Amino acid sequence: TARVLVSIKPFVSKSVDKDIAFAVTAKFKNKLLNKPGIKVSSFFNTGSFGNAEYGIIGSIEKSGSSLVLVVKIIDIRTSAVVHLEHKKFESISNINSISHEMTQRLLYVLQRRKK
């Protein structure tokens, strides 16, 4: 069965602790693991996405008293952003439901791109 190879880079932040950004990245990776049609490669800390077809990058930033999470799917061959998700929320304690909601949409987009 065809599978899309995806690599997730650690999410970045200029206003939130890097451990929180890394934990949010891990939540996305864990939610994508073992899903039909998707193969998630390890985190890549270099400029490379390895041999992945698609890369997932993201950021989490403070905006006043809120947080904003932005996640993009990039086609590695063309460098085009093929999908963008963003969500503003009040507390990091909401990250489980927000990551679940966003991951469902990411999965939909990636599964439609299977060869």
PDB file of N, CA and C in Angstrom:
ATOM      1  N   THR A   1       0.835  -1.181   0.000  1.00  0.00           N
ATOM      2  CA  THR A   1       0.000   0.000   0.000  1.00  0.00           C
ATOM      3  C   THR A   1       0.887   1.254   0.000  1.00  0.00           C
ATOM      4  N   ALA A   2       0.480   2.249  -0.746  1.00  0.00           N
ATOM      5  CA  ALA A   2       1.274   3.475  -0.879  1.00  0.00           C
ATOM      6  C   ALA A   2       1.265   4.261   0.427  1.00  0.00           C
ATOM      7  N   ARG A   3       2.409   4.848   0.718  1.00  0.00           N
ATOM      8  CA  ARG A   3       2.535   5.663   1.931  1.00  0.00           C
ATOM      9  C   ARG A   3       3.279   6.946   1.602  1.00  0.00           C
ATOM     10  N   VAL A   4       2.889   8.016   2.240  1.00  0.00           N
ATOM     11  CA  VAL A   4       3.554   9.304   2.101  1.00  0.00           C
ATOM     12  C   VAL A   4       4.600   9.401   3.198  1.00  0.00           C
ATOM     13  N   LEU A   5       5.853   9.720   2.809  1.00  0.00           N
ATOM     14  CA  LEU A   5       6.928   9.873   3.786  1.00  0.00           C
ATOM     15  C   LEU A   5       6.993  11.332   4.229  1.00  0.00           C
ATOM     16  N   VAL A   6       6.856  11.539   5.540  1.00  0.00           N
ATOM     17  CA  VAL A   6       6.777  12.867   6.123  1.00  0.00           C
ATOM     18  C   VAL A   6       7.871  13.021   7.170  1.00  0.00           C
ATOM     19  N   SER A   7       8.508  14.176   7.199  1.00  0.00           N
ATOM     20  CA  SER A   7       9.470  14.503   8.243  1.00  0.00           C
ATOM     21  C   SER A   7       8.976  15.736   8.988  1.00  0.00           C
ATOM     22  N   ILE A   8       9.109  15.706  10.316  1.00  0.00           N
ATOM     23  CA  ILE A   8       8.667  16.828  11.139  1.00  0.00           C
ATOM     24  C   ILE A   8       9.881  17.496  11.760  1.00  0.00           C
ATOM     25  N   LYS A   9      10.013  18.786  11.499  1.00  0.00           N
ATOM     26  CA  LYS A   9      11.086  19.555  12.149  1.00  0.00           C
ATOM     27  C   LYS A   9      10.577  20.069  13.491  1.00  0.00           C
ATOM     28  N   PRO A  10      11.457  20.186  14.467  1.00  0.00           N
ATOM     29  CA  PRO A  10      11.035  20.759  15.748  1.00  0.00           C
ATOM     30  C   PRO A  10      10.447  22.158  15.551  1.00  0.00           C
ATOM     31  N   PHE A  11       9.289  22.392  16.148  1.00  0.00           N
ATOM     32  CA  PHE A  11       8.636  23.689  16.043  1.00  0.00           C
ATOM     33  C   PHE A  11       9.505  24.739  16.724  1.00  0.00           C
ATOM     34  N   VAL A  12       9.407  25.955  16.231  1.00  0.00           N
ATOM     35  CA  VAL A  12      10.242  27.044  16.738  1.00  0.00           C
ATOM     36  C   VAL A  12       9.394  28.052  17.507  1.00  0.00           C
ATOM     37  N   SER A  13      10.075  28.864  18.302  1.00  0.00           N
ATOM     38  CA  SER A  13       9.403  29.937  19.017  1.00  0.00           C
ATOM     39  C   SER A  13      10.420  30.979  19.463  1.00  0.00           C
ATOM     40  N   LYS A  14      10.008  32.226  19.395  1.00  0.00           N
ATOM     41  CA  LYS A  14      10.824  33.317  19.932  1.00  0.00           C
ATOM     42  C   LYS A  14      10.277  33.796  21.269  1.00  0.00           C
ATOM     43  N   SER A  15       9.051  33.357  21.612  1.00  0.00           N
ATOM     44  CA  SER A  15       8.413  33.888  22.821  1.00  0.00           C
ATOM     45  C   SER A  15       7.934  32.811  23.799  1.00  0.00           C
ATOM     46  N   VAL A  16       8.109  31.543  23.435  1.00  0.00           N
ATOM     47  CA  VAL A  16       7.693  30.433  24.294  1.00  0.00           C
ATOM     48  C   VAL A  16       8.917  29.567  24.545  1.00  0.00           C
ATOM     49  N   ASP A  17       9.038  29.011  25.718  1.00  0.00           N
ATOM     50  CA  ASP A  17      10.166  28.155  26.076  1.00  0.00           C
ATOM     51  C   ASP A  17      10.366  27.051  25.030  1.00  0.00           C
ATOM     52  N   LYS A  18      11.629  26.795  24.660  1.00  0.00           N
ATOM     53  CA  LYS A  18      11.916  25.808  23.610  1.00  0.00           C
ATOM     54  C   LYS A  18      11.451  24.412  23.992  1.00  0.00           C
ATOM     55  N   ASP A  19      11.417  24.095  25.289  1.00  0.00           N
ATOM     56  CA  ASP A  19      10.920  22.784  25.709  1.00  0.00           C
ATOM     57  C   ASP A  19       9.433  22.631  25.414  1.00  0.00           C
ATOM     58  N   ILE A  20       8.688  23.707  25.540  1.00  0.00           N
ATOM     59  CA  ILE A  20       7.263  23.667  25.195  1.00  0.00           C
ATOM     60  C   ILE A  20       7.101  23.470  23.698  1.00  0.00           C
ATOM     61  N   ALA A  21       7.875  24.205  22.900  1.00  0.00           N
ATOM     62  CA  ALA A  21       7.804  24.061  21.444  1.00  0.00           C
ATOM     63  C   ALA A  21       8.160  22.631  21.034  1.00  0.00           C
ATOM     64  N   PHE A  22       9.176  22.047  21.666  1.00  0.00           N
ATOM     65  CA  PHE A  22       9.559  20.676  21.345  1.00  0.00           C
ATOM     66  C   PHE A  22       8.453  19.703  21.750  1.00  0.00           C
ATOM     67  N   ALA A  23       7.836  19.912  22.904  1.00  0.00           N
ATOM     68  CA  ALA A  23       6.751  19.033  23.360  1.00  0.00           C
ATOM     69  C   ALA A  23       5.550  19.096  22.414  1.00  0.00           C
ATOM     70  N   VAL A  24       5.257  20.285  21.898  1.00  0.00           N
ATOM     71  CA  VAL A  24       4.164  20.425  20.937  1.00  0.00           C
ATOM     72  C   VAL A  24       4.505  19.665  19.654  1.00  0.00           C
ATOM     73  N   THR A  25       5.751  19.767  19.203  1.00  0.00           N
ATOM     74  CA  THR A  25       6.190  19.013  18.027  1.00  0.00           C
ATOM     75  C   THR A  25       5.991  17.523  18.262  1.00  0.00           C
ATOM     76  N   ALA A  26       6.400  17.036  19.421  1.00  0.00           N
ATOM     77  CA  ALA A  26       6.276  15.613  19.745  1.00  0.00           C
ATOM     78  C   ALA A  26       4.819  15.163  19.732  1.00  0.00           C
ATOM     79  N   LYS A  27       3.906  16.015  20.199  1.00  0.00           N
ATOM     80  CA  LYS A  27       2.482  15.670  20.161  1.00  0.00           C
ATOM     81  C   LYS A  27       2.023  15.448  18.725  1.00  0.00           C
ATOM     82  N   PHE A  28       2.442  16.322  17.815  1.00  0.00           N
ATOM     83  CA  PHE A  28       2.065  16.158  16.409  1.00  0.00           C
ATOM     84  C   PHE A  28       2.672  14.876  15.838  1.00  0.00           C
ATOM     85  N   LYS A  29       3.942  14.647  16.127  1.00  0.00           N
ATOM     86  CA  LYS A  29       4.588  13.441  15.610  1.00  0.00           C
ATOM     87  C   LYS A  29       3.875  12.196  16.123  1.00  0.00           C
ATOM     88  N   ASN A  30       3.596  12.141  17.415  1.00  0.00           N
ATOM     89  CA  ASN A  30       2.939  10.971  17.992  1.00  0.00           C
ATOM     90  C   ASN A  30       1.552  10.745  17.422  1.00  0.00           C
ATOM     91  N   LYS A  31       0.840  11.818  17.115  1.00  0.00           N
ATOM     92  CA  LYS A  31      -0.499  11.680  16.552  1.00  0.00           C
ATOM     93  C   LYS A  31      -0.457  11.219  15.085  1.00  0.00           C
ATOM     94  N   LEU A  32       0.663  11.472  14.396  1.00  0.00           N
ATOM     95  CA  LEU A  32       0.787  11.046  13.003  1.00  0.00           C
ATOM     96  C   LEU A  32       1.355   9.631  12.861  1.00  0.00           C
ATOM     97  N   LEU A  33       2.040   9.144  13.895  1.00  0.00           N
ATOM     98  CA  LEU A  33       2.635   7.812  13.829  1.00  0.00           C
ATOM     99  C   LEU A  33       1.559   6.738  13.661  1.00  0.00           C
ATOM    100  N   ASN A  34       1.883   5.740  12.869  1.00  0.00           N
ATOM    101  CA  ASN A  34       1.019   4.569  12.679  1.00  0.00           C
ATOM    102  C   ASN A  34      -0.352   4.884  12.098  1.00  0.00           C
ATOM    103  N   LYS A  35      -0.444   5.966  11.371  1.00  0.00           N
ATOM    104  CA  LYS A  35      -1.692   6.272  10.683  1.00  0.00           C
ATOM    105  C   LYS A  35      -1.625   5.683   9.279  1.00  0.00           C
ATOM    106  N   PRO A  36      -2.741   5.169   8.771  1.00  0.00           N
ATOM    107  CA  PRO A  36      -2.734   4.576   7.428  1.00  0.00           C
ATOM    108  C   PRO A  36      -2.242   5.563   6.376  1.00  0.00           C
ATOM    109  N   GLY A  37      -1.340   5.097   5.526  1.00  0.00           N
ATOM    110  CA  GLY A  37      -0.859   5.893   4.411  1.00  0.00           C
ATOM    111  C   GLY A  37       0.220   6.898   4.741  1.00  0.00           C
ATOM    112  N   ILE A  38       0.652   6.960   6.007  1.00  0.00           N
ATOM    113  CA  ILE A  38       1.649   7.943   6.430  1.00  0.00           C
ATOM    114  C   ILE A  38       2.825   7.229   7.077  1.00  0.00           C
ATOM    115  N   LYS A  39       4.030   7.619   6.690  1.00  0.00           N
ATOM    116  CA  LYS A  39       5.229   7.144   7.387  1.00  0.00           C
ATOM    117  C   LYS A  39       5.973   8.383   7.856  1.00  0.00           C
ATOM    118  N   VAL A  40       6.171   8.477   9.165  1.00  0.00           N
ATOM    119  CA  VAL A  40       6.830   9.637   9.758  1.00  0.00           C
ATOM    120  C   VAL A  40       8.277   9.289  10.035  1.00  0.00           C
ATOM    121  N   SER A  41       9.182  10.066   9.472  1.00  0.00           N
ATOM    122  CA  SER A  41      10.604   9.852   9.739  1.00  0.00           C
ATOM    123  C   SER A  41      10.975  10.616  11.010  1.00  0.00           C
ATOM    124  N   SER A  42      12.182  10.415  11.457  1.00  0.00           N
ATOM    125  CA  SER A  42      12.653  11.054  12.688  1.00  0.00           C
ATOM    126  C   SER A  42      12.735  12.560  12.520  1.00  0.00           C
ATOM    127  N   PHE A  43      12.857  13.245  13.658  1.00  0.00           N
ATOM    128  CA  PHE A  43      13.080  14.683  13.616  1.00  0.00           C
ATOM    129  C   PHE A  43      14.396  14.954  12.904  1.00  0.00           C
ATOM    130  N   PHE A  44      14.443  16.012  12.148  1.00  0.00           N
ATOM    131  CA  PHE A  44      15.693  16.437  11.530  1.00  0.00           C
ATOM    132  C   PHE A  44      16.008  17.825  12.046  1.00  0.00           C
ATOM    133  N   ASN A  45      17.143  17.975  12.702  1.00  0.00           N
ATOM    134  CA  ASN A  45      17.532  19.276  13.243  1.00  0.00           C
ATOM    135  C   ASN A  45      18.387  20.073  12.262  1.00  0.00           C
ATOM    136  N   THR A  46      18.799  19.441  11.186  1.00  0.00           N
ATOM    137  CA  THR A  46      19.602  20.135  10.183  1.00  0.00           C
ATOM    138  C   THR A  46      18.666  20.820   9.195  1.00  0.00           C
ATOM    139  N   GLY A  47      19.214  21.404   8.167  1.00  0.00           N
ATOM    140  CA  GLY A  47      18.402  22.044   7.145  1.00  0.00           C
ATOM    141  C   GLY A  47      17.710  21.045   6.234  1.00  0.00           C
ATOM    142  N   SER A  48      17.979  19.768   6.405  1.00  0.00           N
ATOM    143  CA  SER A  48      17.465  18.739   5.512  1.00  0.00           C
ATOM    144  C   SER A  48      16.226  18.053   6.069  1.00  0.00           C
ATOM    145  N   PHE A  49      15.360  17.602   5.170  1.00  0.00           N
ATOM    146  CA  PHE A  49      14.220  16.771   5.553  1.00  0.00           C
ATOM    147  C   PHE A  49      14.495  15.308   5.212  1.00  0.00           C
ATOM    148  N   GLY A  50      15.763  14.966   4.946  1.00  0.00           N
ATOM    149  CA  GLY A  50      16.088  13.579   4.591  1.00  0.00           C
ATOM    150  C   GLY A  50      15.459  13.237   3.254  1.00  0.00           C
ATOM    151  N   ASN A  51      14.908  12.037   3.146  1.00  0.00           N
ATOM    152  CA  ASN A  51      14.295  11.613   1.881  1.00  0.00           C
ATOM    153  C   ASN A  51      12.774  11.752   1.909  1.00  0.00           C
ATOM    154  N   ALA A  52      12.264  12.580   2.807  1.00  0.00           N
ATOM    155  CA  ALA A  52      10.816  12.776   2.931  1.00  0.00           C
ATOM    156  C   ALA A  52      10.252  13.473   1.697  1.00  0.00           C
ATOM    157  N   GLU A  53       8.984  13.169   1.418  1.00  0.00           N
ATOM    158  CA  GLU A  53       8.271  13.840   0.327  1.00  0.00           C
ATOM    159  C   GLU A  53       7.668  15.157   0.813  1.00  0.00           C
ATOM    160  N   TYR A  54       7.269  15.147   2.091  1.00  0.00           N
ATOM    161  CA  TYR A  54       6.642  16.325   2.681  1.00  0.00           C
ATOM    162  C   TYR A  54       7.283  16.625   4.025  1.00  0.00           C
ATOM    163  N   GLY A  55       7.390  17.901   4.330  1.00  0.00           N
ATOM    164  CA  GLY A  55       7.908  18.327   5.616  1.00  0.00           C
ATOM    165  C   GLY A  55       6.823  19.059   6.387  1.00  0.00           C
ATOM    166  N   ILE A  56       6.851  18.882   7.692  1.00  0.00           N
ATOM    167  CA  ILE A  56       5.939  19.621   8.558  1.00  0.00           C
ATOM    168  C   ILE A  56       6.787  20.527   9.433  1.00  0.00           C
ATOM    169  N   ILE A  57       6.482  21.810   9.368  1.00  0.00           N
ATOM    170  CA  ILE A  57       7.174  22.793  10.193  1.00  0.00           C
ATOM    171  C   ILE A  57       6.125  23.585  10.960  1.00  0.00           C
ATOM    172  N   GLY A  58       6.539  24.155  12.071  1.00  0.00           N
ATOM    173  CA  GLY A  58       5.569  24.916  12.832  1.00  0.00           C
ATOM    174  C   GLY A  58       6.219  25.895  13.775  1.00  0.00           C
ATOM    175  N   SER A  59       5.378  26.737  14.341  1.00  0.00           N
ATOM    176  CA  SER A  59       5.832  27.686  15.353  1.00  0.00           C
ATOM    177  C   SER A  59       4.712  27.878  16.357  1.00  0.00           C
ATOM    178  N   ILE A  60       5.114  28.239  17.559  1.00  0.00           N
ATOM    179  CA  ILE A  60       4.156  28.584  18.608  1.00  0.00           C
ATOM    180  C   ILE A  60       4.671  29.868  19.251  1.00  0.00           C
ATOM    181  N   GLU A  61       3.808  30.880  19.290  1.00  0.00           N
ATOM    182  CA  GLU A  61       4.211  32.195  19.788  1.00  0.00           C
ATOM    183  C   GLU A  61       3.149  32.767  20.706  1.00  0.00           C
ATOM    184  N   LYS A  62       3.582  33.655  21.592  1.00  0.00           N
ATOM    185  CA  LYS A  62       2.651  34.412  22.421  1.00  0.00           C
ATOM    186  C   LYS A  62       2.118  35.582  21.600  1.00  0.00           C
ATOM    187  N   SER A  63       0.845  35.859  21.811  1.00  0.00           N
ATOM    188  CA  SER A  63       0.207  37.014  21.194  1.00  0.00           C
ATOM    189  C   SER A  63      -0.674  37.639  22.275  1.00  0.00           C
ATOM    190  N   GLY A  64      -0.129  38.629  22.985  1.00  0.00           N
ATOM    191  CA  GLY A  64      -0.824  39.168  24.149  1.00  0.00           C
ATOM    192  C   GLY A  64      -0.910  38.099  25.219  1.00  0.00           C
ATOM    193  N   SER A  65      -2.118  37.811  25.679  1.00  0.00           N
ATOM    194  CA  SER A  65      -2.292  36.748  26.677  1.00  0.00           C
ATOM    195  C   SER A  65      -2.610  35.406  26.040  1.00  0.00           C
ATOM    196  N   SER A  66      -2.645  35.354  24.705  1.00  0.00           N
ATOM    197  CA  SER A  66      -2.965  34.121  23.978  1.00  0.00           C
ATOM    198  C   SER A  66      -1.705  33.496  23.377  1.00  0.00           C
ATOM    199  N   LEU A  67      -1.890  32.310  22.831  1.00  0.00           N
ATOM    200  CA  LEU A  67      -0.842  31.622  22.077  1.00  0.00           C
ATOM    201  C   LEU A  67      -1.348  31.400  20.659  1.00  0.00           C
ATOM    202  N   VAL A  68      -0.428  31.393  19.704  1.00  0.00           N
ATOM    203  CA  VAL A  68      -0.780  31.125  18.311  1.00  0.00           C
ATOM    204  C   VAL A  68       0.104  29.993  17.816  1.00  0.00           C
ATOM    205  N   LEU A  69      -0.533  28.939  17.304  1.00  0.00           N
ATOM    206  CA  LEU A  69       0.166  27.786  16.747  1.00  0.00           C
ATOM    207  C   LEU A  69      -0.031  27.794  15.237  1.00  0.00           C
ATOM    208  N   VAL A  70       1.071  27.740  14.489  1.00  0.00           N
ATOM    209  CA  VAL A  70       1.038  27.703  13.035  1.00  0.00           C
ATOM    210  C   VAL A  70       1.769  26.442  12.588  1.00  0.00           C
ATOM    211  N   VAL A  71       1.124  25.663  11.719  1.00  0.00           N
ATOM    212  CA  VAL A  71       1.724  24.425  11.208  1.00  0.00           C
ATOM    213  C   VAL A  71       1.562  24.421   9.694  1.00  0.00           C
ATOM    214  N   LYS A  72       2.662  24.100   8.991  1.00  0.00           N
ATOM    215  CA  LYS A  72       2.646  24.066   7.532  1.00  0.00           C
ATOM    216  C   LYS A  72       3.100  22.698   7.036  1.00  0.00           C
ATOM    217  N   ILE A  73       2.499  22.262   5.940  1.00  0.00           N
ATOM    218  CA  ILE A  73       2.992  21.102   5.196  1.00  0.00           C
ATOM    219  C   ILE A  73       3.659  21.651   3.948  1.00  0.00           C
ATOM    220  N   ILE A  74       4.906  21.233   3.737  1.00  0.00           N
ATOM    221  CA  ILE A  74       5.678  21.711   2.590  1.00  0.00           C
ATOM    222  C   ILE A  74       5.993  20.535   1.671  1.00  0.00           C
ATOM    223  N   ASP A  75       5.784  20.724   0.372  1.00  0.00           N
ATOM    224  CA  ASP A  75       6.205  19.743  -0.632  1.00  0.00           C
ATOM    225  C   ASP A  75       7.715  19.914  -0.789  1.00  0.00           C
ATOM    226  N   ILE A  76       8.473  18.911  -0.406  1.00  0.00           N
ATOM    227  CA  ILE A  76       9.936  19.010  -0.408  1.00  0.00           C
ATOM    228  C   ILE A  76      10.483  19.219  -1.818  1.00  0.00           C
ATOM    229  N   ARG A  77       9.873  18.615  -2.821  1.00  0.00           N
ATOM    230  CA  ARG A  77      10.373  18.741  -4.200  1.00  0.00           C
ATOM    231  C   ARG A  77      10.274  20.170  -4.721  1.00  0.00           C
ATOM    232  N   THR A  78       9.178  20.856  -4.380  1.00  0.00           N
ATOM    233  CA  THR A  78       8.931  22.178  -4.955  1.00  0.00           C
ATOM    234  C   THR A  78       9.096  23.324  -3.952  1.00  0.00           C
ATOM    235  N   SER A  79       9.217  23.004  -2.671  1.00  0.00           N
ATOM    236  CA  SER A  79       9.262  23.976  -1.573  1.00  0.00           C
ATOM    237  C   SER A  79       7.948  24.737  -1.399  1.00  0.00           C
ATOM    238  N   ALA A  80       6.895  24.285  -2.059  1.00  0.00           N
ATOM    239  CA  ALA A  80       5.595  24.954  -1.955  1.00  0.00           C
ATOM    240  C   ALA A  80       4.892  24.561  -0.662  1.00  0.00           C
ATOM    241  N   VAL A  81       4.234  25.525  -0.043  1.00  0.00           N
ATOM    242  CA  VAL A  81       3.380  25.241   1.103  1.00  0.00           C
ATOM    243  C   VAL A  81       2.080  24.670   0.540  1.00  0.00           C
ATOM    244  N   VAL A  82       1.785  23.410   0.875  1.00  0.00           N
ATOM    245  CA  VAL A  82       0.582  22.774   0.338  1.00  0.00           C
ATOM    246  C   VAL A  82      -0.578  22.835   1.327  1.00  0.00           C
ATOM    247  N   HIS A  83      -0.280  23.176   2.581  1.00  0.00           N
ATOM    248  CA  HIS A  83      -1.345  23.315   3.575  1.00  0.00           C
ATOM    249  C   HIS A  83      -0.835  24.149   4.734  1.00  0.00           C
ATOM    250  N   LEU A  84      -1.720  24.972   5.283  1.00  0.00           N
ATOM    251  CA  LEU A  84      -1.385  25.837   6.411  1.00  0.00           C
ATOM    252  C   LEU A  84      -2.513  25.771   7.432  1.00  0.00           C
ATOM    253  N   GLU A  85      -2.150  25.530   8.666  1.00  0.00           N
ATOM    254  CA  GLU A  85      -3.101  25.530   9.781  1.00  0.00           C
ATOM    255  C   GLU A  85      -2.642  26.580  10.784  1.00  0.00           C
ATOM    256  N   HIS A  86      -3.556  27.307  11.360  1.00  0.00           N
ATOM    257  CA  HIS A  86      -3.191  28.206  12.457  1.00  0.00           C
ATOM    258  C   HIS A  86      -4.347  28.269  13.437  1.00  0.00           C
ATOM    259  N   LYS A  87      -3.991  28.388  14.691  1.00  0.00           N
ATOM    260  CA  LYS A  87      -5.004  28.405  15.736  1.00  0.00           C
ATOM    261  C   LYS A  87      -4.535  29.290  16.874  1.00  0.00           C
ATOM    262  N   LYS A  88      -5.407  30.180  17.303  1.00  0.00           N
ATOM    263  CA  LYS A  88      -5.138  31.025  18.466  1.00  0.00           C
ATOM    264  C   LYS A  88      -5.890  30.417  19.644  1.00  0.00           C
ATOM    265  N   PHE A  89      -5.211  30.312  20.796  1.00  0.00           N
ATOM    266  CA  PHE A  89      -5.849  29.721  21.967  1.00  0.00           C
ATOM    267  C   PHE A  89      -5.316  30.377  23.226  1.00  0.00           C
ATOM    268  N   GLU A  90      -6.024  30.175  24.314  1.00  0.00           N
ATOM    269  CA  GLU A  90      -5.756  30.920  25.542  1.00  0.00           C
ATOM    270  C   GLU A  90      -4.700  30.303  26.457  1.00  0.00           C
ATOM    271  N   SER A  91      -4.545  28.975  26.415  1.00  0.00           N
ATOM    272  CA  SER A  91      -3.662  28.332  27.391  1.00  0.00           C
ATOM    273  C   SER A  91      -2.985  27.109  26.798  1.00  0.00           C
ATOM    274  N   ILE A  92      -1.753  26.875  27.214  1.00  0.00           N
ATOM    275  CA  ILE A  92      -1.031  25.685  26.766  1.00  0.00           C
ATOM    276  C   ILE A  92      -1.758  24.417  27.208  1.00  0.00           C
ATOM    277  N   SER A  93      -2.595  24.515  28.224  1.00  0.00           N
ATOM    278  CA  SER A  93      -3.357  23.337  28.668  1.00  0.00           C
ATOM    279  C   SER A  93      -4.357  22.882  27.605  1.00  0.00           C
ATOM    280  N   ASN A  94      -4.645  23.733  26.616  1.00  0.00           N
ATOM    281  CA  ASN A  94      -5.549  23.371  25.516  1.00  0.00           C
ATOM    282  C   ASN A  94      -4.837  22.649  24.378  1.00  0.00           C
ATOM    283  N   ILE A  95      -3.534  22.440  24.495  1.00  0.00           N
ATOM    284  CA  ILE A  95      -2.762  21.933  23.359  1.00  0.00           C
ATOM    285  C   ILE A  95      -3.174  20.524  22.936  1.00  0.00           C
ATOM    286  N   ASN A  96      -3.625  19.676  23.844  1.00  0.00           N
ATOM    287  CA  ASN A  96      -4.042  18.325  23.444  1.00  0.00           C
ATOM    288  C   ASN A  96      -5.197  18.363  22.461  1.00  0.00           C
ATOM    289  N   SER A  97      -6.234  19.121  22.775  1.00  0.00           N
ATOM    290  CA  SER A  97      -7.383  19.174  21.869  1.00  0.00           C
ATOM    291  C   SER A  97      -7.032  19.904  20.576  1.00  0.00           C
ATOM    292  N   ILE A  98      -6.217  20.939  20.679  1.00  0.00           N
ATOM    293  CA  ILE A  98      -5.840  21.692  19.477  1.00  0.00           C
ATOM    294  C   ILE A  98      -4.948  20.851  18.566  1.00  0.00           C
ATOM    295  N   SER A  99      -3.981  20.144  19.134  1.00  0.00           N
ATOM    296  CA  SER A  99      -3.110  19.306  18.302  1.00  0.00           C
ATOM    297  C   SER A  99      -3.908  18.174  17.671  1.00  0.00           C
ATOM    298  N   HIS A 100      -4.879  17.620  18.376  1.00  0.00           N
ATOM    299  CA  HIS A 100      -5.720  16.567  17.802  1.00  0.00           C
ATOM    300  C   HIS A 100      -6.515  17.103  16.613  1.00  0.00           C
ATOM    301  N   GLU A 101      -7.146  18.235  16.817  1.00  0.00           N
ATOM    302  CA  GLU A 101      -7.955  18.869  15.768  1.00  0.00           C
ATOM    303  C   GLU A 101      -7.106  19.184  14.535  1.00  0.00           C
ATOM    304  N   MET A 102      -5.943  19.790  14.745  1.00  0.00           N
ATOM    305  CA  MET A 102      -5.079  20.165  13.620  1.00  0.00           C
ATOM    306  C   MET A 102      -4.498  18.933  12.939  1.00  0.00           C
ATOM    307  N   THR A 103      -4.125  17.929  13.707  1.00  0.00           N
ATOM    308  CA  THR A 103      -3.545  16.718  13.127  1.00  0.00           C
ATOM    309  C   THR A 103      -4.545  16.004  12.231  1.00  0.00           C
ATOM    310  N   GLN A 104      -5.806  16.006  12.596  1.00  0.00           N
ATOM    311  CA  GLN A 104      -6.824  15.369  11.757  1.00  0.00           C
ATOM    312  C   GLN A 104      -6.858  16.014  10.371  1.00  0.00           C
ATOM    313  N   ARG A 105      -6.756  17.327  10.331  1.00  0.00           N
ATOM    314  CA  ARG A 105      -6.745  18.011   9.027  1.00  0.00           C
ATOM    315  C   ARG A 105      -5.450  17.748   8.273  1.00  0.00           C
ATOM    316  N   LEU A 106      -4.312  17.719   8.986  1.00  0.00           N
ATOM    317  CA  LEU A 106      -3.040  17.400   8.331  1.00  0.00           C
ATOM    318  C   LEU A 106      -3.089  15.997   7.729  1.00  0.00           C
ATOM    319  N   LEU A 107      -3.619  15.042   8.482  1.00  0.00           N
ATOM    320  CA  LEU A 107      -3.742  13.672   7.984  1.00  0.00           C
ATOM    321  C   LEU A 107      -4.583  13.617   6.717  1.00  0.00           C
ATOM    322  N   TYR A 108      -5.686  14.324   6.714  1.00  0.00           N
ATOM    323  CA  TYR A 108      -6.557  14.350   5.540  1.00  0.00           C
ATOM    324  C   TYR A 108      -5.794  14.828   4.310  1.00  0.00           C
ATOM    325  N   VAL A 109      -5.046  15.916   4.470  1.00  0.00           N
ATOM    326  CA  VAL A 109      -4.279  16.474   3.351  1.00  0.00           C
ATOM    327  C   VAL A 109      -3.209  15.487   2.896  1.00  0.00           C
ATOM    328  N   LEU A 110      -2.462  14.922   3.833  1.00  0.00           N
ATOM    329  CA  LEU A 110      -1.372  13.993   3.478  1.00  0.00           C
ATOM    330  C   LEU A 110      -1.898  12.703   2.857  1.00  0.00           C
ATOM    331  N   GLN A 111      -2.973  12.157   3.383  1.00  0.00           N
ATOM    332  CA  GLN A 111      -3.515  10.910   2.829  1.00  0.00           C
ATOM    333  C   GLN A 111      -4.032  11.094   1.421  1.00  0.00           C
ATOM    334  N   ARG A 112      -4.477  12.275   1.098  1.00  0.00           N
ATOM    335  CA  ARG A 112      -4.933  12.561  -0.282  1.00  0.00           C
ATOM    336  C   ARG A 112      -3.756  12.668  -1.251  1.00  0.00           C
ATOM    337  N   ARG A 113      -2.551  12.811  -0.732  1.00  0.00           N
ATOM    338  CA  ARG A 113      -1.370  12.965  -1.577  1.00  0.00           C
ATOM    339  C   ARG A 113      -0.620  11.659  -1.786  1.00  0.00           C
ATOM    340  N   LYS A 114      -1.160  10.553  -1.286  1.00  0.00           N
ATOM    341  CA  LYS A 114      -0.515   9.246  -1.483  1.00  0.00           C
ATOM    342  C   LYS A 114      -0.391   8.955  -2.969  1.00  0.00           C
ATOM    343  N   LYS A 115       0.686   8.247  -3.297  1.00  0.00           N
ATOM    344  CA  LYS A 115       0.902   7.890  -4.698  1.00  0.00           C
ATOM    345  C   LYS A 115       0.267   6.552  -4.993  1.00  0.00           C
TER     346      LYS A 115
END
